[in-house]
Amino acid sequence: MAAEELDPVYGAVYREALDYAAKLHRHQFRKTPEGVEPTVPYLAHLLEVSALVWLGGGDETQAIAGLLHDALEDQGPHTSPRKLEKKFGPDVRRIVEACTDGAPGVVRDESTWLERKVSYLAALYTVDSDALVVVAADKVSNARAILDDEAIAPGEVWGMFNAPRQAIAWYYDEATTALALRLPDNMVTLRLVRLAALLAESAGGTDLRSCYAAMDDAEYEEVLRPLADAKAAAY
């Protein structure tokens, strides 16, 4: 049977999403440590996430969301939830929104890092289950990139982030905890478990409290309360 007579394993919408993602992120590179020239198009990350979604048992809709998972977070001026839904349907929009760290237009720097991450992590305990494999794939791709960069430029990689190294490791550890509860035995989650452990080792631990020693105990507990409440409800 000729190849063109076979049933396609993905359709025109996936190809359209690939083209749309390539256009949205065409000026964007993957982050690199200071002194290392960025050469890897950001599309490489989106392709990796989509591939991991397929490998983790996701369907075409989830794989499309993998291609577009950073569209709102990184390219908000050029797209919107409404545009994503019009082009790719409500399920893709919903999954992409679940993957988005912070609302479009919100400052994403050191001053908002902890509150944003706590909100994101807390949502993992209640977000629709079909978003979880996309979230896990994104975390695997990013964790692997951090470890690769750390191997190339030891100590320099942590300067790319808006938080201390142990806070970054804490974030991946907490994301892994949520995903291991809600998406156990999935190969993508299992990869993340290993990578989160390596990140914690590389960062020297996951002691978030030491990273925010300037906060008094009451303020610190209040910031983390949404995550504590979400975990308590889940367990």
Protein backbone atom coordinates (compact mmCIF):
# COMPACT_ATOMS: atom_id res chain seq x y z
CA MET A 1 0.00 0.00 0.00
CA ALA A 2 1.36 3.43 -0.95
CA ALA A 3 2.17 5.73 1.94
CA GLU A 4 -0.41 8.28 0.83
CA GLU A 5 -3.12 5.60 1.14
CA LEU A 6 -2.36 4.91 4.80
CA ASP A 7 -4.44 6.52 7.52
CA PRO A 8 -2.48 9.49 8.92
CA VAL A 9 -1.31 9.19 12.53
CA TYR A 10 -1.75 12.93 12.97
CA GLY A 11 -3.78 15.38 10.99
CA ALA A 12 -3.80 18.79 9.42
CA VAL A 13 -4.50 20.52 12.75
CA TYR A 14 -1.26 19.22 14.24
CA ARG A 15 0.67 20.46 11.22
CA GLU A 16 -1.06 23.82 11.50
CA ALA A 17 -0.15 24.04 15.19
CA LEU A 18 3.47 23.23 14.37
CA ASP A 19 3.56 26.03 11.82
CA TYR A 20 1.83 28.44 14.21
CA ALA A 21 4.26 27.65 17.04
CA ALA A 22 7.22 28.07 14.69
CA LYS A 23 5.97 31.51 13.64
CA LEU A 24 5.13 32.66 17.18
CA HIS A 25 8.53 31.74 18.59
CA ARG A 26 10.65 32.41 15.50
CA HIS A 27 12.68 35.16 17.21
CA GLN A 28 13.15 33.27 20.48
CA PHE A 29 16.13 31.18 21.59
CA ARG A 30 16.53 28.79 24.49
CA LYS A 31 18.10 30.52 27.49
CA THR A 32 21.80 29.99 28.02
CA PRO A 33 24.16 30.75 30.92
CA GLU A 34 25.94 34.09 30.87
CA GLY A 35 28.75 34.05 28.34
CA VAL A 36 27.26 31.22 26.29
CA GLU A 37 25.85 32.36 22.95
CA PRO A 38 22.25 31.26 22.39
CA THR A 39 22.02 29.16 19.24
CA VAL A 40 19.15 26.74 19.88
CA PRO A 41 15.78 27.96 18.54
CA TYR A 42 13.05 27.84 21.17
CA LEU A 43 11.11 25.62 18.80
CA ALA A 44 13.44 22.78 19.83
CA HIS A 45 11.92 22.87 23.32
CA LEU A 46 8.37 22.91 21.95
CA LEU A 47 9.10 19.94 19.69
CA GLU A 48 10.65 18.05 22.59
CA VAL A 49 7.63 18.68 24.81
CA SER A 50 5.23 17.57 22.10
CA ALA A 51 7.32 14.44 21.48
CA LEU A 52 7.33 13.61 25.19
CA VAL A 53 3.55 14.02 25.26
CA TRP A 54 3.24 11.45 22.48
CA LEU A 55 5.67 9.13 24.28
CA GLY A 56 3.70 9.57 27.50
CA GLY A 57 0.52 8.32 25.87
CA GLY A 58 -1.02 11.68 25.06
CA ASP A 59 -3.37 12.15 22.13
CA GLU A 60 -3.14 14.61 19.26
CA THR A 61 -4.92 17.38 21.17
CA GLN A 62 -2.45 17.08 24.03
CA ALA A 63 0.48 16.96 21.59
CA ILE A 64 -0.80 20.16 19.96
CA ALA A 65 -1.00 21.77 23.40
CA GLY A 66 2.61 20.68 23.90
CA LEU A 67 3.62 22.68 20.84
CA LEU A 68 1.70 25.71 22.10
CA HIS A 69 2.18 25.41 25.86
CA ASP A 70 4.32 28.57 26.08
CA ALA A 71 2.34 30.60 23.57
CA LEU A 72 0.47 32.67 26.17
CA GLU A 73 3.35 32.88 28.64
CA ASP A 74 6.02 33.98 26.16
CA GLN A 75 4.13 35.40 23.20
CA GLY A 76 1.12 37.03 24.82
CA PRO A 77 1.23 40.16 22.64
CA HIS A 78 0.97 38.00 19.50
CA THR A 79 -1.74 35.55 20.51
CA SER A 80 -4.48 35.10 23.10
CA PRO A 81 -6.66 32.39 24.67
CA ARG A 82 -9.42 33.37 22.28
CA LYS A 83 -7.15 32.96 19.24
CA LEU A 84 -5.91 29.59 20.45
CA GLU A 85 -9.46 28.35 20.94
CA LYS A 86 -10.57 29.62 17.54
CA LYS A 87 -7.66 27.91 15.79
CA PHE A 88 -7.27 24.71 17.81
CA GLY A 89 -10.35 24.25 19.96
CA PRO A 90 -11.33 24.72 23.62
CA ASP A 91 -9.38 21.74 24.92
CA VAL A 92 -6.08 23.06 23.58
CA ARG A 93 -6.83 26.48 25.02
CA ARG A 94 -7.63 24.96 28.43
CA ILE A 95 -4.46 22.87 28.54
CA VAL A 96 -2.26 25.77 27.42
CA GLU A 97 -3.79 27.98 30.10
CA ALA A 98 -3.05 25.25 32.67
CA CYS A 99 0.60 25.30 31.58
CA THR A 100 0.90 29.08 31.78
CA ASP A 101 2.90 30.47 34.69
CA GLY A 102 1.24 33.72 35.68
CA ALA A 103 -1.30 35.79 33.82
CA PRO A 104 -0.27 37.43 30.54
CA GLY A 105 1.14 40.87 31.24
CA VAL A 106 2.09 40.11 34.85
CA VAL A 107 5.71 40.92 35.67
CA ARG A 108 7.73 37.71 35.84
CA ASP A 109 10.80 38.59 37.88
CA GLU A 110 12.36 37.99 41.28
CA SER A 111 9.66 40.02 43.07
CA THR A 112 6.84 37.73 41.87
CA TRP A 113 8.68 34.40 41.59
CA LEU A 114 7.62 32.68 44.79
CA GLU A 115 3.95 33.71 44.66
CA ARG A 116 3.69 32.68 41.00
CA LYS A 117 5.29 29.31 41.61
CA VAL A 118 3.14 28.59 44.65
CA SER A 119 0.01 29.39 42.65
CA TYR A 120 1.17 27.22 39.74
CA LEU A 121 2.06 24.29 41.99
CA ALA A 122 -1.19 24.48 43.93
CA ALA A 123 -3.15 24.34 40.67
CA LEU A 124 -1.46 21.06 39.70
CA TYR A 125 -3.53 19.28 42.34
CA THR A 126 -6.83 20.29 40.73
CA VAL A 127 -6.06 21.00 37.07
CA ASP A 128 -7.83 18.82 34.50
CA SER A 129 -6.06 15.49 34.17
CA ASP A 130 -5.44 15.81 30.43
CA ALA A 131 -3.13 18.76 31.09
CA LEU A 132 -0.83 16.78 33.37
CA VAL A 133 1.17 14.94 30.72
CA VAL A 134 1.88 18.26 29.00
CA VAL A 135 2.99 19.82 32.28
CA ALA A 136 5.19 16.81 33.02
CA ALA A 137 6.72 16.91 29.54
CA ASP A 138 7.53 20.61 29.91
CA LYS A 139 9.19 20.02 33.28
CA VAL A 140 11.25 17.11 31.92
CA SER A 141 12.49 19.18 28.98
CA ASN A 142 13.38 22.15 31.18
CA ALA A 143 15.02 20.09 33.93
CA ARG A 144 17.11 18.25 31.38
CA ALA A 145 18.20 21.56 29.84
CA ILE A 146 19.26 22.93 33.24
CA LEU A 147 21.36 19.85 33.94
CA ASP A 148 22.90 19.96 30.46
CA ASP A 149 23.81 23.63 30.88
CA GLU A 150 25.21 22.96 34.34
CA ALA A 151 27.49 20.34 32.83
CA ILE A 152 28.70 22.81 30.20
CA ALA A 153 29.10 25.85 32.47
CA PRO A 154 29.13 24.72 36.12
CA GLY A 155 27.52 27.21 38.46
CA GLU A 156 26.53 29.63 35.71
CA VAL A 157 23.16 28.13 34.83
CA TRP A 158 21.46 29.29 38.03
CA GLY A 159 22.00 32.92 37.09
CA MET A 160 19.39 32.54 34.35
CA PHE A 161 16.59 32.35 36.90
CA ASN A 162 14.70 34.77 39.13
CA ALA A 163 15.32 32.72 42.26
CA PRO A 164 18.21 31.02 44.10
CA ARG A 165 19.30 27.56 43.00
CA GLN A 166 17.73 25.72 45.95
CA ALA A 167 14.43 27.48 45.26
CA ILE A 168 14.57 26.27 41.66
CA ALA A 169 15.27 22.72 42.86
CA TRP A 170 12.40 23.04 45.38
CA TYR A 171 10.04 24.04 42.58
CA TYR A 172 10.89 20.98 40.49
CA ASP A 173 10.65 18.75 43.55
CA GLU A 174 7.18 20.07 44.39
CA ALA A 175 6.00 19.75 40.79
CA THR A 176 7.25 16.17 40.79
CA THR A 177 5.36 15.46 44.01
CA ALA A 178 2.08 16.67 42.48
CA LEU A 179 2.60 14.85 39.19
CA ALA A 180 3.65 11.62 40.89
CA LEU A 181 0.39 11.70 42.83
CA ARG A 182 -1.86 12.50 39.90
CA LEU A 183 0.04 10.92 37.00
CA PRO A 184 1.82 7.94 38.57
CA ASP A 185 3.61 5.30 36.51
CA ASN A 186 3.61 7.47 33.40
CA MET A 187 7.02 7.31 31.74
CA VAL A 188 7.23 11.11 31.59
CA THR A 189 6.60 11.41 35.33
CA LEU A 190 9.16 8.71 36.03
CA ARG A 191 11.74 10.64 34.00
CA LEU A 192 10.91 13.74 35.99
CA VAL A 193 11.41 11.94 39.30
CA ARG A 194 14.98 11.10 38.31
CA LEU A 195 15.71 14.56 36.92
CA ALA A 196 14.29 16.37 39.97
CA ALA A 197 16.58 14.32 42.21
CA LEU A 198 19.58 15.25 40.06
CA LEU A 199 18.58 18.92 40.16
CA ALA A 200 18.33 18.83 43.96
CA GLU A 201 21.79 17.27 44.14
CA SER A 202 23.23 19.83 41.74
CA ALA A 203 21.65 22.74 43.63
CA GLY A 204 22.80 21.49 47.01
CA GLY A 205 19.30 20.77 48.28
CA THR A 206 15.76 22.10 48.22
CA ASP A 207 15.76 24.32 51.31
CA LEU A 208 13.31 27.01 50.23
CA ARG A 209 13.16 28.60 53.67
CA SER A 210 16.85 29.48 53.59
CA CYS A 211 16.31 31.20 50.25
CA TYR A 212 13.74 33.54 51.82
CA ALA A 213 15.30 34.02 55.22
CA ALA A 214 14.42 37.72 55.14
CA MET A 215 10.72 36.82 55.41
CA ASP A 216 9.36 36.39 58.91
CA ASP A 217 7.70 33.05 59.64
CA ALA A 218 4.14 34.37 59.41
CA GLU A 219 4.71 35.98 56.02
CA TYR A 220 6.49 32.90 54.69
CA GLU A 221 3.70 30.57 55.82
CA GLU A 222 1.08 32.84 54.33
CA VAL A 223 2.78 32.86 50.93
CA LEU A 224 2.98 29.07 50.92
CA ARG A 225 -0.54 28.54 52.31
CA PRO A 226 -2.25 27.93 48.91
CA LEU A 227 0.14 25.08 48.20
CA ALA A 228 -0.19 23.65 51.71
CA ASP A 229 -4.00 23.76 51.43
CA ALA A 230 -3.96 22.11 47.98
CA LYS A 231 -1.72 19.29 49.21
CA ALA A 232 -3.83 18.77 52.32
CA ALA A 233 -6.98 18.49 50.21
CA ALA A 234 -5.32 16.08 47.78
CA TYR A 235 -4.00 13.75 50.44
